[in-house]
Amino acid sequence: MKLKGADILINCLLEQGVDTIFGYPGGAVLDIYDALYRSGKINHILTAHEQGAAHAADGYARVTGKVGVCFATSGPGATNLVTGIATAYMDSVPMVAVTGNVGLNFLGRDSFQEIDICGITMPITKHNFIVKDVKELAETLRKAFYIANNGRKGPVLVDILKNVQIDECEYEPEKPLPPVPFDVKAEALGDVVKAIENSKKPVIMAGGGVIAADASALLHQLAKKLDCPVAYTLMGKGCIPESDPLCLGMIGMHGTTAAAKSIIAADTLIALGTRFSDRVALNRDKFADGKTVIHVDIDNAEIDKNVTSTLHVMADVKKTLEALLPLVKKADRKDWVNEARGYIKPANVLQLAQKIIKRASALAPKDSPLITDVGQHQMWAAQHYEVDCPRRFCSSGGLGTMGYGLGAAIGAAFGTGKLCVLVTGDGCFGMNMNELMTAVTQRVPLVILLMDNRVLGMVRQWQKIFYSRRFSQTTLNRQTDYVKLAESMGAKGIVISDEKDIDAKLKEAFAFAESNSLPVLVDCRISSDENVLPMIKPNTTYDTQLEQMEEN
């Protein structure tokens, strides 16, 4: 059958199982939005800003495992997607961003709202396409989804010229391209099995690749069979129940003492789906001193990039664990597990922010996704909010995008149909607070815990430690009444300023959000001197953990 390019786009999205799109219309995508209207088969969420649409597509993808989709017009619409695309790229999140552009006759002439979005996004996408001929559109879109969700996942951009949206050509529906299996054969794991069985003190380090591969259950089986403690990276949070006795918590600059000391004591490190980023490896030349390092990753570029491995497997984590589990013997390492668990320290007296987050973790519905922005509140949430299953934690790890949280929470809500919890700070919230209008309009049940310390907390903490308390431009001095702001947008506002009010106010927030399907903003008025501890200084080693800080 013969269809316009815009209709071919919508039909290809339906082929790929797309049910939700996040976007913002404009002149260069009017034909696409008209086709979307005429189809009526895909839910479109109109965000307040294109960056919010990109983050929403990201959040949707993280909680569902499906490809997130966002639309934007040409020029500023397309460039407003860039931060969201880069966020997805750094965290290996599958996304297809569709932009419009000027017609072929106007291309390269500095036409109104013309931009080379493919050139701009080349370093931050797995691949990108500019479609100049309608006959190439369907094949290009199918390739885009295949690339986004195959191998190491990531964002793909498809820029569709105006003439392509209008022109017609023959279209025949096709099934999505099957992924190429990144298998590993059992015979290739012989040395890995020997190294594991010879190990006295192994530690599994699980990253986001475990969750991306849907390998969390297999990871748990391996840990129990090997009687081996597990530390997870920020992106790996949720890959193992945090209540499990083998779970040591988060590894990294602000990770747990148990994870840090166990890494020091370990003789073997089994790294699954992690890239040894600087926030995890710290001093990468010393991180693995004296250890056998077994690295499993689907991307060959990550093998030996940051930390040199003793043995490596370039394959899908799930396929690797499926092959490995029958080969390894059941072990009894209770002495090592007890040693590792002995490093767990009783929590110090918790600060108000930590208490609020910890109680929210207990009071929220157990299937509620947790979303964070970036900064101190992100680390407090990672440390104190329990997540016991995969795909229930969304946070910008690699790019560290302030303003990520609210858009991602909207996407997560549509992906799961569940009430979501967003932990943010007043600095982050100020960057994309406009998406609160979207959450209200779309009736998103959402509890926003706004850590209101009136400063840029993490940057200020670094100034405190490394810059002799020269607090340059990290005091916000904003006079914003967040309760009135929330209410002006149609949300509910609540204040917590005293520990005795935590339970009552949080229960009120969750009850209102659930019963009314609306966001609730909880203004958590905390001290500007609350710090994230423990902390390990950058480019140092795990035996330099800082556990206390002198206050003003």
Protein backbone atom coordinates (compact mmCIF):
# COMPACT_ATOMS: atom_id res chain seq x y z
CA MET A 1 0.00 0.00 0.00
CA LYS A 2 1.12 3.56 -0.70
CA LEU A 3 1.48 5.88 2.32
CA LYS A 4 2.92 9.27 3.16
CA GLY A 5 6.23 9.23 5.02
CA ALA A 6 4.59 10.51 8.21
CA ASP A 7 2.13 7.59 8.15
CA ILE A 8 4.98 5.16 7.44
CA LEU A 9 6.70 6.46 10.58
CA ILE A 10 3.64 5.82 12.76
CA ASN A 11 3.15 2.36 11.24
CA CYS A 12 6.81 1.46 11.84
CA LEU A 13 6.48 2.54 15.48
CA LEU A 14 3.46 0.27 15.83
CA GLU A 15 5.49 -2.57 14.26
CA GLN A 16 8.05 -2.09 17.05
CA GLY A 17 5.41 -2.28 19.78
CA VAL A 18 5.61 1.42 20.70
CA ASP A 19 2.65 2.42 22.88
CA THR A 20 3.86 5.74 24.32
CA ILE A 21 5.74 8.71 22.88
CA PHE A 22 6.98 11.79 24.74
CA GLY A 23 7.37 14.94 22.71
CA TYR A 24 6.66 18.51 21.71
CA PRO A 25 5.34 19.54 18.27
CA GLY A 26 6.61 22.26 15.93
CA GLY A 27 6.63 23.33 12.29
CA ALA A 28 9.03 20.68 11.00
CA VAL A 29 7.00 17.80 12.47
CA LEU A 30 3.44 18.96 11.80
CA ASP A 31 2.86 16.16 9.29
CA ILE A 32 4.14 13.61 11.80
CA TYR A 33 1.79 14.91 14.48
CA ASP A 34 -1.08 14.92 12.00
CA ALA A 35 -0.38 11.24 11.22
CA LEU A 36 -0.22 10.51 14.95
CA TYR A 37 -3.61 12.19 15.41
CA ARG A 38 -5.18 10.29 12.52
CA SER A 39 -3.82 6.96 13.73
CA GLY A 40 -5.01 7.33 17.31
CA LYS A 41 -3.16 4.15 18.31
CA ILE A 42 -0.21 5.56 20.26
CA ASN A 43 -0.39 7.52 23.49
CA HIS A 44 1.50 10.82 23.20
CA ILE A 45 2.58 12.73 26.32
CA LEU A 46 3.03 16.44 25.70
CA THR A 47 5.85 17.62 27.97
CA ALA A 48 6.66 21.19 28.93
CA HIS A 49 10.10 21.12 27.28
CA GLU A 50 11.87 18.80 24.86
CA GLN A 51 14.54 17.95 27.44
CA GLY A 52 11.74 16.67 29.66
CA ALA A 53 10.53 14.49 26.76
CA ALA A 54 13.98 12.94 26.33
CA HIS A 55 14.30 12.23 30.06
CA ALA A 56 10.77 10.78 30.12
CA ALA A 57 11.64 8.43 27.25
CA ASP A 58 14.77 7.46 29.22
CA GLY A 59 12.80 6.74 32.41
CA TYR A 60 10.22 4.76 30.46
CA ALA A 61 12.98 2.64 28.88
CA ARG A 62 14.75 1.97 32.19
CA VAL A 63 11.66 0.63 33.95
CA THR A 64 10.23 -1.36 31.02
CA GLY A 65 13.32 -2.60 29.16
CA LYS A 66 11.67 -1.37 25.96
CA VAL A 67 12.95 1.35 23.65
CA GLY A 68 11.86 4.81 24.78
CA VAL A 69 10.68 7.18 22.06
CA CYS A 70 10.66 10.97 21.93
CA PHE A 71 9.71 13.50 19.21
CA ALA A 72 10.93 17.04 18.63
CA THR A 73 10.82 19.60 15.87
CA SER A 74 13.89 21.00 14.11
CA GLY A 75 16.32 23.65 15.38
CA PRO A 76 15.84 24.43 19.07
CA GLY A 77 13.45 21.51 19.49
CA ALA A 78 16.14 19.12 18.36
CA THR A 79 18.94 20.77 20.33
CA ASN A 80 16.80 20.68 23.47
CA LEU A 81 16.92 16.88 23.25
CA VAL A 82 20.73 16.77 23.36
CA THR A 83 21.21 16.57 27.13
CA GLY A 84 18.62 13.80 27.40
CA ILE A 85 20.21 11.87 24.55
CA ALA A 86 23.65 12.19 26.16
CA THR A 87 22.22 11.02 29.50
CA ALA A 88 20.84 7.89 27.84
CA TYR A 89 24.10 7.31 25.98
CA MET A 90 26.26 7.42 29.10
CA ASP A 91 23.98 4.95 30.92
CA SER A 92 23.35 2.64 27.93
CA VAL A 93 19.60 3.29 27.78
CA PRO A 94 17.73 2.28 24.58
CA MET A 95 16.02 5.27 23.01
CA VAL A 96 14.94 6.44 19.55
CA ALA A 97 14.71 10.21 19.17
CA VAL A 98 12.79 11.36 16.07
CA THR A 99 13.32 14.91 14.87
CA GLY A 100 12.00 16.81 11.89
CA ASN A 101 14.07 19.05 9.66
CA VAL A 102 13.63 21.43 6.76
CA GLY A 103 12.90 20.10 3.29
CA LEU A 104 15.67 18.90 0.99
CA ASN A 105 15.54 22.09 -1.09
CA PHE A 106 16.19 24.19 2.01
CA LEU A 107 18.89 21.99 3.56
CA GLY A 108 22.25 23.67 4.02
CA ARG A 109 20.88 27.18 3.43
CA ASP A 110 20.60 28.30 7.07
CA SER A 111 16.84 28.04 6.72
CA PHE A 112 14.47 28.89 9.56
CA GLN A 113 15.01 26.43 12.44
CA GLU A 114 17.51 24.37 10.43
CA ILE A 115 20.22 22.62 12.44
CA ASP A 116 22.58 19.74 11.74
CA ILE A 117 21.29 17.62 14.59
CA CYS A 118 23.04 14.52 13.23
CA GLY A 119 26.40 16.31 13.41
CA ILE A 120 25.63 17.58 16.90
CA THR A 121 24.61 14.17 18.29
CA MET A 122 27.16 11.98 16.52
CA PRO A 123 29.37 11.59 19.64
CA ILE A 124 26.40 10.86 21.95
CA THR A 125 24.40 8.31 19.94
CA LYS A 126 25.06 4.71 18.98
CA HIS A 127 24.11 5.79 15.47
CA ASN A 128 22.10 8.51 13.81
CA PHE A 129 20.37 8.92 10.47
CA ILE A 130 19.15 11.76 8.27
CA VAL A 131 16.40 10.53 5.96
CA LYS A 132 16.25 12.41 2.65
CA ASP A 133 14.21 9.93 0.59
CA VAL A 134 10.88 8.47 1.67
CA LYS A 135 11.83 5.12 0.14
CA GLU A 136 14.54 4.77 2.82
CA LEU A 137 12.34 5.71 5.77
CA ALA A 138 10.86 2.36 6.85
CA GLU A 139 14.18 0.50 6.62
CA THR A 140 15.94 3.28 8.53
CA LEU A 141 13.41 3.24 11.36
CA ARG A 142 13.66 -0.53 11.69
CA LYS A 143 17.44 -0.27 11.84
CA ALA A 144 17.19 2.46 14.47
CA PHE A 145 15.19 0.26 16.86
CA TYR A 146 17.45 -2.70 16.19
CA ILE A 147 20.61 -0.70 16.95
CA ALA A 148 19.12 0.95 20.06
CA ASN A 149 18.18 -2.36 21.68
CA ASN A 150 20.84 -4.75 20.38
CA GLY A 151 24.18 -5.42 22.10
CA ARG A 152 25.14 -2.57 24.40
CA LYS A 153 21.98 -0.51 24.38
CA GLY A 154 21.84 3.20 23.67
CA PRO A 155 20.11 6.09 21.90
CA VAL A 156 19.65 6.45 18.14
CA LEU A 157 18.49 9.62 16.41
CA VAL A 158 16.43 9.69 13.19
CA ASP A 159 16.18 13.10 11.52
CA ILE A 160 13.37 13.15 8.93
CA LEU A 161 13.27 15.93 6.34
CA LYS A 162 9.99 17.74 5.74
CA ASN A 163 9.65 16.46 2.17
CA VAL A 164 10.07 12.86 3.36
CA GLN A 165 7.11 13.27 5.71
CA ILE A 166 4.90 14.41 2.82
CA ASP A 167 6.14 12.20 -0.03
CA GLU A 168 4.51 8.84 -0.68
CA CYS A 169 5.87 5.37 -1.37
CA GLU A 170 4.90 1.74 -0.99
CA TYR A 171 4.87 0.38 2.54
CA GLU A 172 4.66 -3.23 3.66
CA PRO A 173 4.62 -4.08 7.39
CA GLU A 174 7.45 -6.22 8.74
CA LYS A 175 8.23 -7.88 12.04
CA PRO A 176 11.00 -6.32 14.17
CA LEU A 177 14.50 -7.55 13.41
CA PRO A 178 15.56 -10.23 15.92
CA PRO A 179 18.58 -9.34 18.06
CA VAL A 180 21.93 -10.96 17.39
CA PRO A 181 22.74 -13.25 20.32
CA PHE A 182 25.95 -12.38 22.15
CA ASP A 183 26.42 -15.95 23.36
CA VAL A 184 29.36 -17.56 25.07
CA LYS A 185 30.25 -21.23 24.71
CA ALA A 186 30.87 -23.31 27.84
CA GLU A 187 34.33 -24.35 26.67
CA ALA A 188 35.39 -20.71 26.57
CA LEU A 189 34.78 -20.40 30.32
CA GLY A 190 37.26 -23.02 31.51
CA ASP A 191 39.83 -20.56 32.86
CA VAL A 192 37.09 -18.45 34.44
CA VAL A 193 35.70 -21.48 36.28
CA LYS A 194 39.19 -22.43 37.53
CA ALA A 195 39.87 -18.89 38.74
CA ILE A 196 36.57 -18.75 40.62
CA GLU A 197 37.04 -22.16 42.23
CA ASN A 198 40.61 -21.31 43.29
CA SER A 199 39.45 -18.08 44.88
CA LYS A 200 39.28 -17.83 48.65
CA LYS A 201 37.73 -14.36 48.85
CA PRO A 202 35.76 -13.50 45.71
CA VAL A 203 33.48 -10.47 45.36
CA ILE A 204 30.94 -9.99 42.60
CA MET A 205 30.72 -6.41 41.35
CA ALA A 206 27.44 -5.98 39.48
CA GLY A 207 26.76 -3.06 37.18
CA GLY A 208 23.95 -1.74 35.03
CA GLY A 209 24.67 -4.37 32.40
CA VAL A 210 23.16 -6.99 34.72
CA ILE A 211 19.85 -5.14 34.72
CA ALA A 212 20.00 -4.33 30.99
CA ALA A 213 20.48 -8.04 30.27
CA ASP A 214 17.62 -9.07 32.60
CA ALA A 215 20.17 -11.18 34.44
CA SER A 216 19.38 -10.25 38.05
CA ALA A 217 17.86 -13.62 38.97
CA LEU A 218 20.87 -15.45 37.52
CA LEU A 219 23.25 -13.15 39.39
CA HIS A 220 21.46 -14.02 42.62
CA GLN A 221 21.74 -17.74 41.82
CA LEU A 222 25.47 -17.40 41.13
CA ALA A 223 26.09 -15.49 44.35
CA LYS A 224 24.30 -18.15 46.39
CA LYS A 225 26.02 -21.04 44.61
CA LEU A 226 29.47 -19.48 45.09
CA ASP A 227 28.61 -18.22 48.59
CA CYS A 228 30.02 -14.94 47.39
CA PRO A 229 29.24 -11.39 48.55
CA VAL A 230 27.91 -8.88 46.00
CA ALA A 231 28.57 -5.16 45.69
CA TYR A 232 26.66 -3.16 43.09
CA THR A 233 27.43 0.08 41.27
CA LEU A 234 24.95 2.96 41.22
CA MET A 235 23.58 1.69 37.88
CA GLY A 236 23.34 -1.82 39.31
CA LYS A 237 21.11 -0.86 42.23
CA GLY A 238 18.23 -3.34 42.38
CA CYS A 239 20.09 -6.22 40.75
CA ILE A 240 20.12 -8.07 44.08
CA PRO A 241 17.72 -7.58 47.00
CA GLU A 242 19.38 -5.20 49.45
CA SER A 243 17.93 -7.30 52.26
CA ASP A 244 19.91 -10.35 51.10
CA PRO A 245 22.75 -11.35 53.49
CA LEU A 246 25.18 -11.54 50.54
CA CYS A 247 24.51 -7.92 49.52
CA LEU A 248 27.22 -5.49 50.66
CA GLY A 249 25.52 -2.42 49.19
CA MET A 250 26.86 0.12 46.76
CA ILE A 251 30.49 0.32 45.69
CA GLY A 252 32.11 3.62 44.79
CA MET A 253 33.04 7.07 46.01
CA HIS A 254 30.00 7.19 48.32
CA GLY A 255 29.51 3.45 48.70
CA THR A 256 29.25 1.42 51.87
CA THR A 257 32.14 0.69 54.18
CA ALA A 258 31.42 -3.03 53.78
CA ALA A 259 31.76 -2.83 50.00
CA ALA A 260 34.96 -0.78 50.23
CA LYS A 261 36.71 -3.02 52.77
CA SER A 262 35.61 -6.20 51.03
CA ILE A 263 37.06 -4.96 47.76
CA ILE A 264 40.36 -4.34 49.57
CA ALA A 265 40.36 -7.82 51.14
CA ALA A 266 39.15 -9.74 48.08
CA ASP A 267 41.50 -11.90 46.02
CA THR A 268 39.13 -12.19 43.04
CA LEU A 269 36.79 -9.64 41.52
CA ILE A 270 34.00 -10.91 39.26
CA ALA A 271 32.87 -7.77 37.41
CA LEU A 272 29.58 -8.19 35.56
CA GLY A 273 28.27 -5.56 33.16
CA THR A 274 30.26 -2.66 34.58
CA ARG A 275 32.81 -0.33 33.04
CA PHE A 276 34.95 0.55 36.09
CA SER A 277 34.13 4.26 35.90
CA ASP A 278 36.25 6.76 37.80
CA ARG A 279 33.58 6.97 40.53
CA VAL A 280 33.96 3.21 41.10
CA ALA A 281 37.59 2.39 40.32
CA LEU A 282 38.87 5.77 41.64
CA ASN A 283 42.60 5.23 41.04
CA ARG A 284 42.27 2.74 38.20
CA ASP A 285 45.97 1.81 38.27
CA LYS A 286 45.73 0.61 41.89
CA PHE A 287 42.11 -0.57 42.06
CA ALA A 288 42.84 -4.20 41.21
CA ASP A 289 46.32 -4.56 42.72
CA GLY A 290 46.97 -8.18 43.70
CA LYS A 291 43.57 -9.41 42.52
CA THR A 292 42.35 -11.71 39.81
CA VAL A 293 39.92 -9.64 37.75
CA ILE A 294 37.26 -11.44 35.69
CA HIS A 295 35.42 -8.94 33.51
CA VAL A 296 32.20 -9.80 31.64
CA ASP A 297 30.86 -7.12 29.32
CA ILE A 298 28.96 -7.03 26.05
CA ASP A 299 31.05 -4.15 24.71
CA ASN A 300 34.59 -5.00 23.68
CA ALA A 301 35.56 -1.33 24.01
CA GLU A 302 35.12 -1.57 27.79
CA ILE A 303 37.44 -4.56 28.23
CA ASP A 304 40.77 -3.35 29.70
CA LYS A 305 39.81 0.30 29.08
CA ASN A 306 39.90 1.44 32.70
CA VAL A 307 41.04 -1.61 34.67
CA THR A 308 43.15 -4.39 33.18
CA SER A 309 41.45 -7.76 33.48
CA THR A 310 43.10 -11.11 34.18
CA LEU A 311 40.34 -12.90 32.25
CA HIS A 312 37.53 -11.43 30.24
CA VAL A 313 34.39 -12.54 28.45
CA MET A 314 32.87 -10.32 25.77
CA ALA A 315 29.27 -11.48 25.83
CA ASP A 316 25.81 -10.75 27.16
CA VAL A 317 25.81 -11.07 30.96
CA LYS A 318 22.68 -13.22 30.95
CA LYS A 319 24.08 -15.62 28.35
CA THR A 320 27.36 -15.80 30.27
CA LEU A 321 25.68 -16.62 33.57
CA GLU A 322 23.47 -19.21 31.91
CA ALA A 323 26.61 -20.94 30.62
CA LEU A 324 28.63 -20.42 33.82
CA LEU A 325 26.14 -21.58 36.46
CA PRO A 326 26.19 -25.30 35.55
CA LEU A 327 30.00 -25.27 35.43
CA VAL A 328 30.86 -23.90 38.87
CA LYS A 329 30.67 -26.06 41.98
CA LYS A 330 28.58 -25.12 44.98
CA ALA A 331 30.94 -23.57 47.51
CA ASP A 332 31.02 -22.91 51.22
CA ARG A 333 32.73 -19.61 51.93
CA LYS A 334 30.93 -18.77 55.15
CA ASP A 335 34.13 -17.52 56.82
CA TRP A 336 34.67 -15.03 54.00
CA VAL A 337 31.02 -13.99 53.94
CA ASN A 338 31.13 -13.44 57.71
CA GLU A 339 34.31 -11.39 57.32
CA ALA A 340 32.72 -9.27 54.61
CA ARG A 341 29.53 -8.79 56.61
CA GLY A 342 31.67 -7.91 59.62
CA TYR A 343 32.67 -4.76 57.77
CA ILE A 344 29.08 -3.54 57.85
CA LYS A 345 29.01 -0.60 60.21
CA PRO A 346 26.00 0.42 62.26
CA ALA A 347 24.57 3.62 60.84
CA ASN A 348 25.78 6.79 62.49
CA VAL A 349 23.16 9.18 63.79
CA LEU A 350 21.18 9.89 60.64
CA GLN A 351 20.68 13.41 59.39
CA LEU A 352 17.16 14.68 58.68
CA ALA A 353 17.46 14.06 54.93
CA GLN A 354 18.55 10.48 55.48
CA LYS A 355 15.75 9.84 57.96
CA ILE A 356 13.15 11.15 55.51
CA ILE A 357 14.49 9.00 52.68
CA LYS A 358 14.72 5.91 54.88
CA ARG A 359 11.13 6.31 56.09
CA ALA A 360 9.90 6.98 52.56
CA SER A 361 11.51 3.70 51.53
CA ALA A 362 9.51 1.91 54.23
CA LEU A 363 6.21 3.70 53.56
CA ALA A 364 6.14 3.72 49.75
CA PRO A 365 4.39 0.89 47.87
CA LYS A 366 7.00 -1.83 47.33
CA ASP A 367 6.59 -1.75 43.54
CA SER A 368 7.07 2.03 43.31
CA PRO A 369 9.97 3.06 41.10
CA LEU A 370 12.53 5.36 42.74
CA ILE A 371 13.90 8.17 40.60
CA THR A 372 16.62 10.60 41.63
CA ASP A 373 18.18 13.74 40.35
CA VAL A 374 21.93 14.26 40.83
CA GLY A 375 23.85 15.40 43.89
CA GLN A 376 23.82 14.74 47.62
CA HIS A 377 20.20 13.61 47.60
CA GLN A 378 21.08 11.07 44.86
CA MET A 379 23.73 9.47 47.07
CA TRP A 380 21.51 9.56 50.17
CA ALA A 381 18.82 7.79 48.18
CA ALA A 382 21.31 5.22 46.87
CA GLN A 383 22.51 4.59 50.43
CA HIS A 384 19.23 4.57 52.35
CA TYR A 385 16.33 3.79 50.00
CA GLU A 386 15.94 0.03 49.65
CA VAL A 387 15.28 -1.32 46.15
CA ASP A 388 14.79 -5.07 46.11
CA CYS A 389 14.13 -5.71 42.41
CA PRO A 390 15.56 -4.58 39.08
CA ARG A 391 14.14 -1.77 36.93
CA ARG A 392 12.82 0.11 39.92
CA PHE A 393 15.68 2.62 40.18
CA CYS A 394 16.36 5.43 37.69
CA SER A 395 19.24 7.87 38.08
CA SER A 396 21.67 9.66 35.81
CA GLY A 397 25.00 8.00 36.59
CA GLY A 398 27.45 8.61 33.78
CA LEU A 399 26.48 12.15 32.74
CA GLY A 400 25.24 13.25 36.15
CA THR A 401 22.40 15.32 34.70
CA MET A 402 20.83 17.80 37.08
CA GLY A 403 17.18 18.21 36.10
CA TYR A 404 16.86 14.59 34.97
CA GLY A 405 14.52 13.43 37.69
CA LEU A 406 11.10 14.94 37.05
CA GLY A 407 10.97 14.01 33.36
CA ALA A 408 12.28 10.51 34.12
CA ALA A 409 9.68 10.07 36.87
CA ILE A 410 6.90 10.89 34.41
CA GLY A 411 8.30 8.33 31.97
CA ALA A 412 8.64 5.71 34.72
CA ALA A 413 5.05 6.30 35.80
CA PHE A 414 3.75 5.72 32.28
CA GLY A 415 6.02 2.72 31.84
CA THR A 416 4.85 0.95 35.00
CA GLY A 417 1.45 2.45 35.76
CA LYS A 418 2.66 2.81 39.35
CA LEU A 419 3.05 5.61 41.84
CA CYS A 420 6.65 6.88 41.64
CA VAL A 421 8.97 8.48 44.18
CA LEU A 422 11.33 11.25 43.10
CA VAL A 423 14.19 12.36 45.34
CA THR A 424 15.54 15.71 44.17
CA GLY A 425 17.24 18.84 45.45
CA ASP A 426 16.33 22.49 45.17
CA GLY A 427 19.16 23.02 42.66
CA CYS A 428 18.05 20.17 40.39
CA PHE A 429 14.36 20.95 40.76
CA GLY A 430 15.00 24.50 39.60
CA MET A 431 16.32 23.22 36.29
CA ASN A 432 13.23 21.35 35.07
CA MET A 433 10.46 22.21 37.52
CA ASN A 434 8.25 23.07 34.53
CA GLU A 435 7.59 19.35 34.07
CA LEU A 436 5.48 19.50 37.24
CA MET A 437 2.84 21.02 34.94
CA THR A 438 3.09 17.90 32.78
CA ALA A 439 2.74 15.60 35.78
CA VAL A 440 -0.39 17.45 36.93
CA THR A 441 -1.96 17.60 33.47
CA GLN A 442 -1.31 13.88 32.94
CA ARG A 443 -2.45 13.04 36.50
CA VAL A 444 0.77 11.26 37.44
CA PRO A 445 0.77 9.82 40.98
CA LEU A 446 4.13 11.05 42.19
CA VAL A 447 5.68 11.90 45.55
CA ILE A 448 8.52 14.42 45.17
CA LEU A 449 10.92 14.59 48.11
CA LEU A 450 12.62 17.95 47.58
CA MET A 451 15.75 18.21 49.74
CA ASP A 452 15.61 21.94 50.35
CA ASN A 453 18.99 22.96 51.77
CA ARG A 454 19.17 26.30 49.89
CA VAL A 455 22.59 25.43 48.45
CA LEU A 456 24.10 23.34 45.68
CA GLY A 457 24.83 20.64 48.21
CA MET A 458 27.35 18.33 46.53
CA VAL A 459 29.36 21.13 44.95
CA ARG A 460 29.37 22.93 48.29
CA GLN A 461 30.56 19.74 50.03
CA TRP A 462 33.51 19.57 47.61
CA GLN A 463 34.24 23.24 48.26
CA LYS A 464 34.22 22.45 51.98
CA ILE A 465 36.75 19.61 51.60
CA PHE A 466 38.97 20.67 48.72
CA TYR A 467 38.64 24.48 48.53
CA SER A 468 39.05 25.52 52.18
CA ARG A 469 35.35 26.40 52.53
CA ARG A 470 35.39 29.03 49.81
CA PHE A 471 31.72 28.68 48.93
CA SER A 472 31.75 30.36 45.54
CA GLN A 473 28.26 30.61 43.97
CA THR A 474 26.84 27.55 45.71
CA THR A 475 24.44 29.43 48.01
CA LEU A 476 21.16 29.75 46.14
CA ASN A 477 19.48 32.44 48.27
CA ARG A 478 16.16 31.73 46.58
CA GLN A 479 12.98 32.96 48.19
CA THR A 480 10.80 30.33 46.52
CA ASP A 481 7.83 28.99 48.47
CA TYR A 482 7.73 25.47 47.06
CA VAL A 483 4.33 24.68 48.57
CA LYS A 484 2.74 27.67 46.83
CA LEU A 485 4.65 26.85 43.64
CA ALA A 486 3.32 23.28 43.65
CA GLU A 487 -0.22 24.45 44.38
CA SER A 488 -0.06 27.06 41.61
CA MET A 489 0.58 24.24 39.15
CA GLY A 490 -2.22 22.06 40.52
CA ALA A 491 -0.14 19.78 42.74
CA LYS A 492 -0.24 19.44 46.53
CA GLY A 493 2.48 20.91 48.72
CA ILE A 494 3.62 19.68 52.14
CA VAL A 495 6.46 20.82 54.42
CA ILE A 496 8.70 18.66 56.61
CA SER A 497 11.05 20.63 58.84
CA ASP A 498 11.05 18.54 62.01
CA GLU A 499 11.86 14.88 62.56
CA LYS A 500 8.67 14.33 64.56
CA ASP A 501 6.56 15.14 61.49
CA ILE A 502 8.23 12.71 59.08
CA ASP A 503 5.86 9.75 59.32
CA ALA A 504 2.62 11.72 59.38
CA LYS A 505 3.57 13.99 56.50
CA LEU A 506 4.92 11.16 54.33
CA LYS A 507 1.79 9.07 54.92
CA GLU A 508 -0.29 12.09 53.94
CA ALA A 509 1.76 12.54 50.76
CA PHE A 510 1.52 8.91 49.64
CA ALA A 511 -2.20 8.70 50.43
CA PHE A 512 -2.98 11.88 48.48
CA ALA A 513 -0.87 10.93 45.45
CA GLU A 514 -2.47 7.47 45.24
CA SER A 515 -6.07 8.49 45.84
CA ASN A 516 -6.00 11.56 43.58
CA SER A 517 -3.49 10.45 40.91
CA LEU A 518 -1.64 13.72 41.31
CA PRO A 519 1.87 14.78 42.31
CA VAL A 520 2.68 15.83 45.86
CA LEU A 521 5.75 17.98 46.50
CA VAL A 522 7.22 17.50 49.97
CA ASP A 523 9.47 20.45 50.85
CA CYS A 524 12.06 18.80 53.12
CA ARG A 525 13.78 21.70 54.86
CA ILE A 526 17.20 20.36 55.78
CA SER A 527 20.47 21.91 56.91
CA SER A 528 22.93 23.15 54.29
CA ASP A 529 25.67 21.35 56.26
CA GLU A 530 24.28 17.84 55.88
CA ASN A 531 26.96 15.83 54.09
CA VAL A 532 27.19 12.61 52.10
CA LEU A 533 29.36 10.14 53.99
CA PRO A 534 31.26 7.93 53.67
CA MET A 535 33.29 9.52 50.90
CA ILE A 536 36.49 8.53 49.12
CA LYS A 537 38.49 11.29 47.51
CA PRO A 538 38.85 11.06 43.71
CA ASN A 539 41.86 9.22 42.27
CA THR A 540 42.64 7.60 45.62
CA THR A 541 42.12 4.06 46.90
CA TYR A 542 39.45 2.39 49.00
CA ASP A 543 41.57 2.47 52.16
CA THR A 544 41.31 6.27 52.26
CA GLN A 545 37.60 6.35 53.09
CA LEU A 546 36.46 9.51 54.86
CA GLU A 547 33.74 8.79 57.40
CA GLN A 548 33.47 12.06 59.32
CA MET A 549 33.70 15.74 58.46
CA GLU A 550 34.30 18.73 60.65
CA GLU A 551 31.30 21.03 60.52
CA ASN A 552 31.19 24.81 60.39
